[in-house]
Protein backbone atom coordinates (compact mmCIF):
# COMPACT_ATOMS: atom_id res chain seq x y z
CA MET A 1 -80.84 32.09 -110.96
CA SER A 2 -82.09 35.56 -108.96
CA PHE A 3 -81.75 35.87 -105.47
CA PHE A 4 -85.76 36.64 -105.18
CA ARG A 5 -86.17 33.51 -107.23
CA LEU A 6 -84.36 31.45 -104.44
CA LEU A 7 -85.84 33.09 -101.55
CA LEU A 8 -89.10 32.20 -103.24
CA LEU A 9 -88.43 28.83 -103.55
CA LEU A 10 -87.04 28.23 -99.89
CA THR A 11 -90.17 29.60 -98.66
CA ILE A 12 -92.47 27.28 -101.15
CA ALA A 13 -90.36 23.96 -99.44
CA PHE A 14 -90.43 25.95 -95.78
CA LEU A 15 -94.18 26.07 -96.74
CA THR A 16 -94.54 22.29 -97.98
CA THR A 17 -92.40 20.93 -95.59
CA GLY A 18 -94.58 22.17 -92.65
CA ALA A 19 -98.18 21.10 -94.30
CA ARG A 20 -96.72 17.65 -94.84
CA ALA A 21 -95.54 17.63 -91.04
CA ASP A 22 -98.86 18.83 -89.82
CA ALA A 23 -100.56 16.62 -91.97
CA ASP A 24 -98.63 13.86 -90.05
CA ASP A 25 -99.58 15.16 -87.02
CA ASP A 26 -102.79 14.99 -88.15
CA ALA A 27 -102.71 11.34 -89.17
CA LEU A 28 -101.65 10.70 -85.94
CA VAL A 29 -104.17 12.18 -84.22
CA GLU A 30 -107.12 10.72 -86.12
CA ARG A 31 -105.43 7.75 -85.61
CA GLY A 32 -105.65 8.18 -81.94
CA LEU A 33 -109.12 9.26 -82.36
CA LYS A 34 -110.22 5.68 -84.19
CA LEU A 35 -108.25 3.91 -81.51
CA ARG A 36 -110.34 5.87 -78.27
CA ARG A 37 -113.53 5.09 -80.12
CA ASP A 38 -112.29 1.40 -80.38
CA ARG A 39 -111.90 2.06 -76.18
CA ARG A 40 -108.02 1.41 -76.96
CA ASP A 41 -107.23 4.27 -74.74
CA ALA A 42 -104.07 3.47 -73.90
CA GLU A 43 -102.75 3.01 -77.34
CA ALA A 44 -104.38 6.24 -78.57
CA LEU A 45 -102.31 8.24 -75.58
CA ALA A 46 -99.21 6.63 -77.02
CA LEU A 47 -100.23 8.40 -80.41
CA PHE A 48 -101.33 11.68 -78.35
CA ARG A 49 -97.74 12.16 -76.87
CA GLN A 50 -96.09 11.11 -80.28
CA ALA A 51 -98.17 13.80 -82.30
CA TYR A 52 -97.39 16.67 -79.36
CA ASP A 53 -93.92 15.93 -79.28
CA ALA A 54 -93.43 16.45 -83.29
CA ARG A 55 -96.07 19.52 -83.22
CA PRO A 56 -97.40 21.26 -79.54
CA ALA A 57 -100.84 22.00 -80.03
CA PRO A 58 -103.92 22.61 -77.68
CA ARG A 59 -105.93 20.25 -79.35
CA THR A 60 -103.17 17.21 -79.36
CA ARG A 61 -103.10 18.01 -75.39
CA ALA A 62 -106.69 18.20 -75.32
CA GLN A 63 -106.98 14.56 -76.51
CA ILE A 64 -103.73 13.78 -74.21
CA ALA A 65 -106.14 14.59 -71.64
CA LEU A 66 -109.22 12.77 -72.16
CA ALA A 67 -107.11 9.64 -73.36
CA GLU A 68 -105.73 10.17 -69.32
CA GLN A 69 -108.95 10.64 -68.21
CA ALA A 70 -110.48 7.27 -69.62
CA LEU A 71 -107.61 5.78 -68.11
CA GLY A 72 -107.87 6.61 -64.61
CA LYS A 73 -104.81 8.84 -64.80
CA TRP A 74 -107.11 12.16 -62.57
CA VAL A 75 -103.59 14.26 -61.86
CA ASP A 76 -102.47 13.80 -64.97
CA ALA A 77 -105.62 14.47 -66.94
CA GLU A 78 -106.49 17.74 -64.69
CA ARG A 79 -103.06 19.06 -65.57
CA ASP A 80 -102.93 18.37 -69.09
CA LEU A 81 -106.22 19.42 -69.73
CA LEU A 82 -105.70 22.79 -67.50
CA LEU A 83 -102.47 23.54 -70.04
CA ALA A 84 -104.77 22.73 -73.00
CA LEU A 85 -107.23 25.35 -71.85
CA ASP A 86 -104.85 27.97 -70.83
CA ALA A 87 -104.97 27.83 -75.15
CA ALA A 88 -108.35 30.21 -75.20
CA ASP A 89 -107.32 31.95 -78.18
CA ASP A 90 -106.74 28.80 -80.07
CA PRO A 91 -110.19 27.82 -82.67
CA TRP A 92 -110.26 24.15 -81.26
CA ILE A 93 -110.38 25.12 -78.06
CA SER A 94 -112.81 27.84 -78.41
CA SER A 95 -115.16 25.45 -80.46
CA HIS A 96 -114.61 22.51 -77.52
CA ARG A 97 -114.72 24.74 -74.75
CA GLN A 98 -118.05 23.57 -73.31
CA THR A 99 -117.19 19.51 -73.84
CA LEU A 100 -113.41 20.42 -71.94
CA ASP A 101 -115.21 22.29 -69.01
CA LYS A 102 -117.40 19.69 -68.31
CA ALA A 103 -114.23 16.83 -68.63
CA LEU A 104 -112.71 19.30 -65.91
CA ALA A 105 -115.27 18.68 -64.12
CA THR A 106 -115.66 15.07 -64.21
CA ILE A 107 -111.77 14.91 -63.59
CA GLY A 108 -112.09 16.84 -60.50
CA LYS A 109 -114.97 15.03 -58.61
CA HIS A 110 -111.77 12.37 -58.41
CA LEU A 111 -109.57 14.46 -57.09
CA GLY A 112 -108.56 15.69 -53.41
CA THR A 113 -105.67 18.63 -52.32
CA LEU A 114 -103.14 17.51 -50.01
CA VAL A 115 -101.27 19.89 -47.58
CA ALA A 116 -98.87 18.90 -45.72
CA GLU A 117 -95.29 20.44 -43.55
CA ALA A 118 -93.16 18.78 -41.05
CA ASN A 119 -91.09 20.02 -38.32
CA ALA A 120 -87.85 19.06 -39.81
CA PRO A 121 -85.78 20.95 -42.39
CA ALA A 122 -85.75 19.37 -45.64
CA ALA A 123 -88.08 16.62 -45.03
CA GLU A 124 -88.92 14.60 -47.93
CA LEU A 125 -92.77 13.40 -48.95
CA TRP A 126 -93.44 9.99 -50.37
CA LEU A 127 -96.98 9.13 -51.59
CA ASP A 128 -97.88 5.35 -51.89
CA GLY A 129 -94.18 4.54 -51.97
CA ALA A 130 -93.28 7.60 -54.65
CA GLN A 131 -91.79 11.00 -53.88
CA VAL A 132 -93.93 13.63 -54.57
CA GLY A 133 -91.59 16.67 -53.11
CA LYS A 134 -89.86 18.56 -50.03
CA LEU A 135 -92.03 20.18 -47.38
CA PRO A 136 -93.56 21.71 -47.00
CA ILE A 137 -95.92 21.22 -49.50
CA GLY A 138 -99.60 23.45 -50.83
CA GLN A 139 -102.65 22.64 -52.92
CA LEU A 140 -100.80 18.93 -54.11
CA ARG A 141 -103.36 17.55 -56.45
CA VAL A 142 -104.04 13.58 -55.37
CA ALA A 143 -106.51 11.51 -56.88
CA ALA A 144 -109.13 10.35 -53.86
CA GLY A 145 -109.54 7.52 -51.79
CA PRO A 146 -106.94 6.06 -49.51
CA ALA A 147 -103.20 6.85 -49.60
CA LYS A 148 -99.60 6.06 -47.91
CA LEU A 149 -97.99 9.55 -46.24
CA GLU A 150 -94.28 9.42 -45.46
CA ALA A 151 -92.29 11.29 -44.45
CA ARG A 152 -88.78 11.71 -44.50
CA ALA A 153 -85.15 13.66 -43.24
CA LYS A 154 -81.97 13.43 -42.66
CA GLY A 155 -81.00 12.19 -38.81
CA TYR A 156 -85.37 12.19 -38.03
CA GLU A 157 -87.10 8.67 -37.78
CA PRO A 158 -89.36 8.49 -40.72
CA ALA A 159 -93.04 8.83 -39.93
CA THR A 160 -95.81 6.71 -41.58
CA ARG A 161 -99.65 6.98 -42.20
CA SER A 162 -102.45 6.21 -43.63
CA ILE A 163 -105.50 8.54 -44.96
CA GLU A 164 -108.34 8.93 -46.66
CA ILE A 165 -108.78 11.95 -49.23
CA ALA A 166 -112.41 12.63 -50.04
CA PRO A 167 -113.29 13.65 -53.72
CA GLY A 168 -113.03 17.83 -53.27
CA ALA A 169 -111.39 18.11 -49.88
CA THR A 170 -108.45 19.47 -48.61
CA VAL A 171 -106.64 17.57 -46.29
CA LYS A 172 -103.67 18.38 -43.97
CA GLU A 173 -101.54 16.70 -42.43
CA ARG A 174 -98.06 17.63 -40.35
CA PHE A 175 -95.47 15.41 -39.14
CA ASP A 176 -93.38 15.62 -35.94
CA LEU A 177 -90.20 13.46 -36.61
CA THR A 178 -88.15 12.67 -34.01
CA ALA A 179 -84.70 13.17 -33.99
CA ILE A 180 -82.04 10.03 -33.93
CA PRO A 181 -80.39 10.43 -31.01
CA GLU A 182 -76.55 11.05 -31.33
CA PRO A 183 -74.76 8.14 -29.93
CA THR A 184 -73.21 8.74 -26.87
CA LYS A 185 -69.71 8.12 -26.32
CA PRO A 186 -68.26 5.96 -23.42
CA ALA A 187 -66.87 7.55 -20.70
CA ILE A 188 -62.98 7.13 -20.11
CA GLU A 189 -61.96 4.48 -17.16
CA ILE A 190 -58.94 3.38 -16.28
CA THR A 191 -59.11 -0.67 -16.70
CA ALA A 192 -56.33 -3.36 -17.12
CA ALA A 193 -56.47 -2.64 -21.10
CA SER A 194 -56.01 1.59 -20.51
CA ARG A 195 -52.86 0.85 -17.92
CA PRO A 196 -49.82 1.00 -18.98
CA PRO A 197 -47.72 -2.02 -19.34
CA ALA A 198 -46.11 -2.96 -16.41
CA PRO A 199 -42.44 -3.70 -16.64
CA MET A 200 -41.60 -7.03 -18.06
CA ALA A 201 -39.86 -9.24 -15.31
CA PRO A 202 -36.06 -10.04 -16.61
CA THR A 203 -36.42 -13.50 -18.72
CA PRO A 204 -34.44 -15.86 -16.24
CA ALA A 205 -31.34 -17.72 -17.83
CA PRO A 206 -32.25 -21.11 -19.17
CA ASN A 207 -31.31 -23.82 -16.43
CA ARG A 208 -28.42 -25.95 -18.10
CA ARG A 209 -29.16 -28.83 -15.97
CA ASP A 210 -32.49 -28.83 -16.87
CA THR A 211 -31.58 -28.68 -20.86
CA ARG A 212 -29.26 -31.06 -20.72
CA VAL A 213 -31.55 -33.54 -18.73
CA ALA A 214 -34.53 -32.55 -21.17
CA GLY A 215 -31.87 -33.59 -23.88
CA GLU A 216 -31.26 -36.83 -22.76
CA VAL A 217 -34.52 -37.88 -22.44
CA ALA A 218 -35.40 -36.96 -26.11
CA THR A 219 -32.43 -39.14 -26.93
CA ARG A 220 -33.86 -42.38 -24.94
CA ARG A 221 -36.58 -41.75 -26.53
CA VAL A 222 -35.59 -42.09 -29.81
CA PHE A 223 -33.86 -45.06 -28.81
CA ALA A 224 -36.90 -46.46 -27.10
CA TRP A 225 -38.68 -46.23 -30.66
CA GLY A 226 -35.39 -47.62 -32.86
CA ALA A 227 -35.17 -50.24 -30.27
CA LEU A 228 -38.96 -50.97 -30.78
CA GLY A 229 -38.80 -51.12 -34.49
CA ALA A 230 -35.82 -53.69 -34.25
CA ALA A 231 -37.34 -55.61 -32.01
CA GLY A 232 -40.83 -55.92 -34.39
CA ALA A 233 -38.21 -56.33 -37.55
CA PHE A 234 -36.60 -59.74 -35.86
CA LEU A 235 -40.01 -60.99 -34.68
CA GLY A 236 -40.67 -60.76 -38.07
CA GLY A 237 -37.65 -62.64 -39.44
CA ALA A 238 -38.09 -65.10 -36.59
CA ILE A 239 -41.40 -66.13 -37.49
CA ALA A 240 -40.79 -66.13 -41.70
CA ALA A 241 -38.22 -68.75 -40.48
CA GLN A 242 -40.04 -70.78 -38.48
CA ILE A 243 -42.55 -70.78 -41.36
CA VAL A 244 -39.63 -71.46 -43.73
CA ARG A 245 -38.43 -74.25 -41.51
CA GLU A 246 -42.13 -76.07 -41.21
CA GLU A 247 -42.05 -75.69 -44.90
CA ASN A 248 -39.04 -77.40 -45.23
CA ALA A 249 -39.51 -80.33 -42.44
CA SER A 250 -42.74 -81.31 -43.97
CA ARG A 251 -41.01 -81.75 -46.96
CA TYR A 252 -37.95 -84.14 -45.74
CA ASN A 253 -40.57 -86.09 -43.37
CA ASP A 254 -43.07 -86.81 -46.63
CA ASP A 255 -42.94 -90.84 -47.63
CA GLY A 256 -43.98 -90.06 -50.78
CA ARG A 257 -41.11 -87.39 -51.70
CA CYS A 258 -37.95 -89.20 -49.39
CA PHE A 259 -38.44 -92.25 -48.46
CA TYR A 260 -38.99 -94.79 -51.00
CA GLY A 261 -36.60 -96.96 -53.09
CA ASN A 262 -32.81 -98.32 -51.79
CA LEU A 263 -32.08 -94.57 -51.22
CA SER A 264 -32.46 -93.87 -47.44
CA ARG A 265 -34.48 -90.47 -46.51
CA ASP A 266 -31.58 -88.14 -46.04
CA GLU A 267 -29.84 -89.24 -49.26
CA ARG A 268 -33.14 -88.45 -50.94
CA CYS A 269 -34.53 -85.29 -49.03
CA GLY A 270 -31.00 -84.31 -46.94
CA VAL A 271 -31.07 -80.56 -48.30
CA TYR A 272 -34.78 -80.49 -46.73
CA ARG A 273 -33.45 -81.28 -43.58
CA GLY A 274 -30.81 -79.24 -43.40
CA GLN A 275 -32.41 -76.22 -44.52
CA ALA A 276 -35.11 -77.10 -41.59
CA GLU A 277 -32.32 -76.71 -39.19
CA SER A 278 -30.85 -73.71 -40.21
CA ALA A 279 -34.44 -71.72 -40.64
CA GLN A 280 -34.47 -72.70 -37.22
CA GLY A 281 -31.36 -71.37 -35.98
CA LEU A 282 -32.20 -68.79 -37.58
CA ALA A 283 -35.69 -67.62 -36.06
CA ASN A 284 -34.10 -68.50 -32.73
CA ILE A 285 -31.97 -65.71 -33.13
CA GLY A 286 -34.60 -63.54 -34.54
CA TYR A 287 -36.83 -64.10 -31.13
CA VAL A 288 -33.72 -63.74 -28.55
CA ALA A 289 -32.90 -60.54 -30.48
CA ALA A 290 -37.17 -59.57 -30.55
CA GLY A 291 -37.43 -60.29 -26.82
CA ALA A 292 -34.26 -57.98 -26.43
CA PHE A 293 -35.11 -55.15 -27.97
CA GLY A 294 -38.35 -55.34 -26.94
CA ALA A 295 -37.03 -55.35 -23.10
CA ALA A 296 -34.68 -52.73 -23.97
CA SER A 297 -37.47 -50.45 -25.61
CA ALA A 298 -40.05 -51.26 -22.58
CA ILE A 299 -37.28 -49.38 -20.00
CA LEU A 300 -36.03 -46.48 -22.02
CA PHE A 301 -40.21 -45.63 -22.92
CA TRP A 302 -40.83 -46.26 -19.10
CA SER A 303 -37.18 -44.34 -17.86
CA SER A 304 -38.19 -41.42 -20.08
CA MET A 305 -41.87 -40.71 -19.07
CA SER A 306 -40.80 -38.34 -16.08
CA THR A 307 -37.73 -35.74 -16.38
CA PRO A 308 -34.96 -37.87 -14.33
CA LYS A 309 -33.45 -36.03 -11.66
CA THR A 310 -29.31 -35.47 -11.27
CA THR A 311 -29.42 -38.29 -8.34
CA GLY A 312 -31.74 -40.83 -10.39
CA VAL A 313 -30.96 -43.74 -12.60
CA LEU A 314 -30.20 -42.98 -15.90
CA PHE A 315 -30.97 -45.95 -18.75
CA GLY A 316 -28.62 -45.87 -22.04
CA LEU A 317 -29.02 -48.23 -25.19
CA ASP A 318 -25.32 -48.78 -27.10
CA VAL A 319 -26.06 -50.13 -30.15
CA GLY A 320 -22.61 -51.14 -32.21
CA ALA A 321 -21.46 -53.65 -34.80
CA SER A 322 -20.88 -56.83 -32.16
CA GLY A 323 -24.48 -56.11 -30.38
CA ALA A 324 -26.64 -54.05 -28.41
CA GLU A 325 -25.64 -53.05 -24.31
CA LEU A 326 -27.93 -51.87 -22.02
CA THR A 327 -25.86 -49.23 -19.13
CA VAL A 328 -27.42 -47.84 -16.08
CA ARG A 329 -25.66 -44.89 -14.19
CA GLY A 330 -26.42 -42.35 -11.69
CA LYS A 331 -26.88 -42.92 -7.76
CA LEU A 332 -28.30 -45.44 -5.74
C-alpha cells in the first residue's frame, strides 16, 4: 500500500469520525430542544451541557443560556449568552442574533450589580451563604431582590447585613470590620502560689511511747472482737444444747412412750433423761462462757475507746488451753 493511499484512508476515517461526532452532538441538541418544547427545561439543560462538553459550539452555548433563563438562573444565563454572542462570525449566532439580543435584555431586567469593599485585608464576601470572592469586588452581577451579605476576615469580627438589589441598579457596600482584641496577659503578681516554697520543718522523730500505746490499743480491739465472737459462739451452743435438753425431757415425760407395762420409766426411757441432763450441763457451760467472753469484750472495747496514758489502767486478756484470764495492770 502506497504512502499516499494510506494517508487518504486516514483522512477519510478522521472526517467520518468527526461527522459522526457532530451528528451525535446535534442529536443531543435536538433532543434538548424537544424537551424544552415540552417545558422540561432542567432535563434539556443537562443534554445541552453534555453536548457542549463533547464538542464546544456557540450554538450549544446559546441553548444552555436559554435553558438557564427558563429556569431563572439569571447570572449563569447572562454569562453563557454573552460568551455565545462573542462568536459573532458563527453562522448560527449571526442568523439568530436578534432573538439572542432580546433574550439578553430580558435576562438583564432580573439582574443588578454589586460593588463591595472592606477595611480588612484579604476579606471574603459571602452572598446568601455562598462565598463569591475576595474583597474588594467590583461589578459583580447578582440576581435582583433581597440578599444577605457577610464579610469575613481573619482576626476580625464578621459583619452581616441584608440589602435589596433593584433590577438594573448598582449597589455599593463597604464593610468596616472590627478587629478582635488580643487577650491581655495577666500581670505577674507575687502570690502564695508564686512564692518559693518555705523550707520544710524537720519531721519529728516518732514517739516510741505513743507507738507502743497505739499498738496496745489495736491489740485490745482485736481481742475485744475475738471475745465477742467467742461469746456469740458459746451462746449459740448453749441455746442448741437447751433445745436438745427440752426435746429429750419431753420424750422422757411422755407416758405413752415411757410409762406403760411392767417396766419403769427409767427402764424404758432412761437414755432420754441422761441425754437431757448432759445437754443441760452443756447449756449451763455455754451460758457461763458466753457471759464471761461478753463481759471481757465489753471491757476491752471500753478500754480501747480512747488512747490510754502510761499512768492509766490497762486491761489484758489471756486465752490458753486451760481457760481465759483477764488481767489489769498500771498505776491506780
